[in-house]
Amino acid sequence: MDMYTEGVIMNISLRDLPAVMTVPEFAKVMRIGRNRAYCLVRERKVPVFYIGRSPRIPKDALLEYISSQVNTEGTQLRRVK
């Protein structure tokens, strides 16, 4: 299975992720809602670039965002507001 099978993410690894994702793809990877993903983009919490009017999220930006949410002890995640 891949990340697009029936809208559920199963058995994917970092190397299997595309180099660039759309916001709905980012939402699936993060297991958050599409609206929440667009909020993160709008609030500039996730770095994006645009192709026309369509935001794209590089895989490195996804990893950077995840790292920024882990506290210094590496055990708890901060709640995103």
Protein backbone atom coordinates (compact mmCIF):
# COMPACT_ATOMS: atom_id res chain seq x y z
CA MET A 1 0.00 0.00 0.00
CA ASP A 2 1.08 3.53 -0.54
CA MET A 3 0.10 6.86 0.99
CA TYR A 4 -2.77 7.31 -1.46
CA THR A 5 -4.57 3.99 -0.93
CA GLU A 6 -8.13 4.63 0.21
CA GLY A 7 -7.11 7.94 1.81
CA VAL A 8 -5.23 6.12 4.60
CA ILE A 9 -1.52 6.21 5.19
CA MET A 10 -0.07 2.78 5.69
CA ASN A 11 3.46 1.45 5.68
CA ILE A 12 5.27 4.47 4.30
CA SER A 13 8.76 5.59 5.17
CA LEU A 14 10.44 8.96 4.78
CA ARG A 15 12.18 7.90 1.61
CA ASP A 16 8.81 6.95 0.11
CA LEU A 17 7.43 10.46 0.56
CA PRO A 18 7.45 12.68 -2.51
CA ALA A 19 10.04 15.46 -2.57
CA VAL A 20 7.20 18.00 -2.83
CA MET A 21 3.66 17.62 -1.51
CA THR A 22 0.38 19.42 -1.98
CA VAL A 23 -1.39 20.61 1.17
CA PRO A 24 -3.88 17.70 1.12
CA GLU A 25 -0.97 15.24 0.79
CA PHE A 26 0.80 16.97 3.70
CA ALA A 27 -2.41 16.65 5.74
CA LYS A 28 -2.58 12.90 5.06
CA VAL A 29 1.05 12.40 6.04
CA MET A 30 0.56 14.40 9.25
CA ARG A 31 -2.83 12.77 9.90
CA ILE A 32 -4.49 16.13 10.35
CA GLY A 33 -7.44 17.67 8.59
CA ARG A 34 -7.08 19.50 5.31
CA ASN A 35 -8.35 22.74 6.87
CA ARG A 36 -5.80 22.49 9.69
CA ALA A 37 -3.04 21.93 7.13
CA TYR A 38 -4.11 25.06 5.21
CA CYS A 39 -4.12 26.99 8.52
CA LEU A 40 -0.52 25.95 9.16
CA VAL A 41 0.40 27.18 5.68
CA ARG A 42 -1.51 30.44 6.08
CA GLU A 43 0.07 31.06 9.52
CA ARG A 44 3.51 30.37 7.97
CA LYS A 45 4.25 27.59 10.43
CA VAL A 46 5.15 25.30 7.53
CA PRO A 47 7.45 26.67 4.81
CA VAL A 48 5.93 26.50 1.33
CA PHE A 49 6.56 27.67 -2.19
CA TYR A 50 3.95 28.28 -4.84
CA ILE A 51 3.37 26.89 -8.29
CA GLY A 52 0.95 29.46 -9.60
CA ARG A 53 -1.51 29.86 -6.73
CA SER A 54 -1.03 26.33 -5.42
CA PRO A 55 1.17 25.96 -2.31
CA ARG A 56 3.67 23.11 -2.27
CA ILE A 57 5.45 21.77 0.78
CA PRO A 58 8.95 20.30 0.39
CA LYS A 59 9.67 17.08 2.28
CA ASP A 60 12.46 18.92 4.15
CA ALA A 61 9.89 21.48 5.39
CA LEU A 62 7.73 18.64 6.72
CA LEU A 63 10.68 17.19 8.63
CA GLU A 64 11.65 20.66 9.91
CA TYR A 65 8.09 21.26 11.14
CA ILE A 66 8.01 17.92 12.97
CA SER A 67 11.40 18.64 14.57
CA SER A 68 10.21 22.08 15.70
CA GLN A 69 7.28 20.50 17.52
CA VAL A 70 9.40 18.15 19.62
CA ASN A 71 10.63 19.69 22.87
CA THR A 72 14.26 19.52 23.99
CA GLU A 73 13.69 16.29 25.91
CA GLY A 74 12.28 14.74 22.76
CA THR A 75 9.41 13.05 24.58
CA GLN A 76 6.45 15.39 24.35
CA LEU A 77 4.91 17.31 21.50
CA ARG A 78 3.69 20.87 21.87
CA ARG A 79 0.09 21.54 21.04
CA VAL A 80 -0.23 23.55 17.82
CA LYS A 81 -2.63 26.47 18.17
